Protein backbone atom coordinates (compact mmCIF):
# COMPACT_ATOMS: atom_id res chain seq x y z
CA MET A 1 68.17 -49.72 -18.34
CA GLN A 2 71.87 -50.33 -18.79
CA GLU A 3 74.46 -48.20 -17.06
CA PRO A 4 75.79 -46.49 -20.26
CA MET A 5 72.38 -45.00 -21.02
CA ARG A 6 71.88 -44.10 -17.29
CA SER A 7 75.20 -42.18 -17.47
CA VAL A 8 74.27 -40.38 -20.59
CA LEU A 9 71.05 -39.27 -19.04
CA LYS A 10 72.73 -38.03 -15.86
CA GLN A 11 75.28 -36.08 -17.95
CA GLN A 12 72.92 -34.84 -20.73
CA ILE A 13 69.89 -33.80 -18.71
CA GLY A 14 71.13 -33.89 -15.17
CA ILE A 15 68.70 -36.51 -13.93
CA THR A 16 69.37 -37.91 -10.50
CA GLU A 17 69.84 -41.58 -9.67
CA GLU A 18 66.63 -41.43 -7.52
CA ASP A 19 64.61 -40.07 -10.47
CA LEU A 20 66.15 -42.67 -12.92
CA ASN A 21 64.82 -45.33 -10.43
CA ARG A 22 61.33 -43.79 -10.55
CA MET A 23 61.16 -43.63 -14.39
CA PRO A 24 58.04 -45.29 -15.90
CA PRO A 25 58.68 -48.67 -17.56
CA GLY A 26 57.67 -47.44 -20.96
CA ILE A 27 60.14 -44.54 -20.93
CA SER A 28 62.85 -46.82 -19.67
CA LYS A 29 62.15 -49.27 -22.44
CA LEU A 30 62.24 -46.49 -25.06
CA LEU A 31 65.51 -45.08 -23.76
CA SER A 32 67.03 -48.57 -23.68
CA ALA A 33 66.20 -48.85 -27.40
CA VAL A 34 67.97 -45.53 -28.28
CA PRO A 35 70.96 -47.25 -29.87
CA ARG A 36 68.48 -48.96 -32.37
CA ILE A 37 66.30 -45.90 -32.79
CA VAL A 38 69.16 -43.51 -33.65
CA ASN A 39 69.74 -45.59 -36.74
CA TYR A 40 66.52 -44.22 -38.24
CA ARG A 41 65.28 -40.89 -39.42
CA ILE A 42 61.58 -40.01 -39.37
CA ILE A 43 60.63 -37.93 -42.37
CA ALA A 44 57.50 -35.76 -42.68
CA GLU A 45 57.08 -34.75 -46.27
CA VAL A 46 54.61 -32.15 -47.39
CA THR A 47 52.12 -33.68 -49.83
CA ASP A 48 49.71 -30.77 -50.02
CA ALA A 49 49.84 -27.09 -48.90
CA LYS A 50 47.32 -24.30 -49.49
CA TYR A 51 47.60 -20.74 -48.10
CA CYS A 52 50.41 -21.58 -45.70
CA PHE A 53 51.82 -18.46 -43.95
CA ALA A 54 55.02 -20.33 -43.00
CA GLY A 55 55.68 -21.19 -46.67
CA CYS A 56 55.51 -24.93 -46.60
CA LYS A 57 55.11 -26.43 -50.09
CA PRO A 58 54.87 -29.92 -51.54
CA GLY A 59 58.15 -31.80 -51.35
CA ASP A 60 59.35 -29.91 -48.28
CA LYS A 61 60.54 -32.21 -45.51
CA LEU A 62 60.84 -32.15 -41.71
CA VAL A 63 63.54 -34.56 -40.63
CA PHE A 64 63.79 -36.07 -37.21
CA GLY A 65 67.03 -37.84 -36.41
CA PRO A 66 69.23 -39.72 -36.86
CA GLN A 67 69.21 -38.65 -33.14
CA PRO A 68 65.69 -38.34 -31.62
CA LEU A 69 65.54 -34.62 -32.32
CA LEU A 70 64.44 -32.34 -35.14
CA ASN A 71 67.31 -32.09 -37.63
CA ALA A 72 66.92 -28.41 -38.72
CA GLN A 73 69.96 -28.72 -41.04
CA GLU A 74 68.40 -31.54 -43.07
CA SER A 75 64.88 -30.15 -42.95
CA THR A 76 63.70 -28.15 -45.96
CA CYS A 77 60.28 -27.21 -44.63
CA PRO A 78 59.89 -23.99 -42.57
CA LEU A 79 59.81 -24.75 -38.84
CA CYS A 80 56.21 -23.90 -38.15
CA ILE A 81 55.00 -24.79 -34.54
CA GLY A 82 51.52 -25.43 -36.01
CA ALA A 83 52.96 -28.25 -38.09
CA LEU A 84 55.53 -29.51 -35.57
CA ALA A 85 53.18 -29.93 -32.62
CA PRO A 86 50.73 -32.47 -34.22
CA MET A 87 53.71 -34.12 -35.86
CA MET A 88 55.36 -35.06 -32.54
CA GLU A 89 52.56 -37.64 -31.82
CA ARG A 90 53.40 -39.42 -35.06
CA VAL A 91 57.14 -39.24 -34.42
CA HIS A 92 56.74 -40.72 -30.92
CA ILE A 93 54.52 -43.49 -32.11
CA MET A 94 57.18 -44.43 -34.71
CA TRP A 95 59.90 -44.34 -32.08
CA ASP A 96 57.81 -46.56 -29.84
CA ARG A 97 57.39 -49.04 -32.69
CA LEU A 98 61.23 -49.07 -33.21
CA ALA A 99 61.70 -49.66 -29.43
CA GLU A 100 59.39 -52.63 -29.75
CA GLY A 101 61.37 -53.96 -32.69
CA LEU A 102 58.54 -53.28 -35.15
CA ASP A 103 58.57 -51.64 -38.60
CA PRO A 104 57.69 -48.06 -37.99
CA ASN A 105 56.34 -47.70 -41.49
CA ASP A 106 53.59 -50.25 -40.69
CA ALA A 107 52.10 -47.80 -38.10
CA TRP A 108 48.68 -46.39 -38.60
CA VAL A 109 50.14 -42.92 -38.25
CA THR A 110 51.43 -42.33 -41.87
CA HIS A 111 49.83 -38.93 -42.28
CA SER A 112 49.61 -35.67 -40.35
CA GLN A 113 48.42 -32.08 -40.87
CA CYS A 114 49.07 -28.77 -39.35
CA PHE A 115 46.86 -27.15 -36.72
CA ASP A 116 45.14 -24.90 -39.31
CA PRO A 117 42.11 -26.83 -40.62
CA GLY A 118 41.90 -24.84 -43.89
CA LEU A 119 39.37 -22.42 -45.33
CA ASP A 120 36.57 -24.94 -45.60
CA TYR A 121 36.70 -25.75 -41.90
CA GLY A 122 37.08 -22.39 -40.19
CA GLY A 123 40.75 -21.72 -40.71
CA LEU A 124 42.80 -20.35 -43.62
CA GLY A 125 45.63 -22.58 -44.80
CA CYS A 126 46.34 -26.29 -44.34
CA VAL A 127 49.37 -28.41 -44.85
CA HIS A 128 49.36 -32.25 -45.10
CA PHE A 129 52.32 -34.54 -44.50
CA ARG A 130 53.26 -38.07 -45.28
CA VAL A 131 55.27 -39.56 -42.35
CA TYR A 132 57.70 -42.35 -42.84
CA ALA A 133 60.92 -43.76 -41.37
CA GLU A 134 64.13 -44.55 -43.18
CA LYS A 135 67.44 -45.96 -42.09
CA PRO A 136 70.36 -43.67 -42.95
CA GLU A 137 73.01 -45.22 -45.16
């Protein structure tokens, strides 16, 4: 990992030089790709919602980025932890593909759903999302 990123990590999260040197290779590779990753946004768009207490409805979006964080200002979907938690796996896989120089939209993780499985499967409501990446203009 190059020194500028090491400096950012020290300043931003307070990581020590010793812990930077112990960082797993996969995390180091991902962090080294941050300049490329921050050029993308990962979007999770609601495609179907039924009996959602949070109020998610088709067309609502959760936006991650252009920095690797949830962008609450650009998101139109209520911030429901039951939707966000399963979504993070998809977002991280897409970031990993970007770190590898691959098209994140060719990933197998193009859909997600909230934790509630819906009335037919022992829950109440269920929200489905289409997940994709786009490069901001």
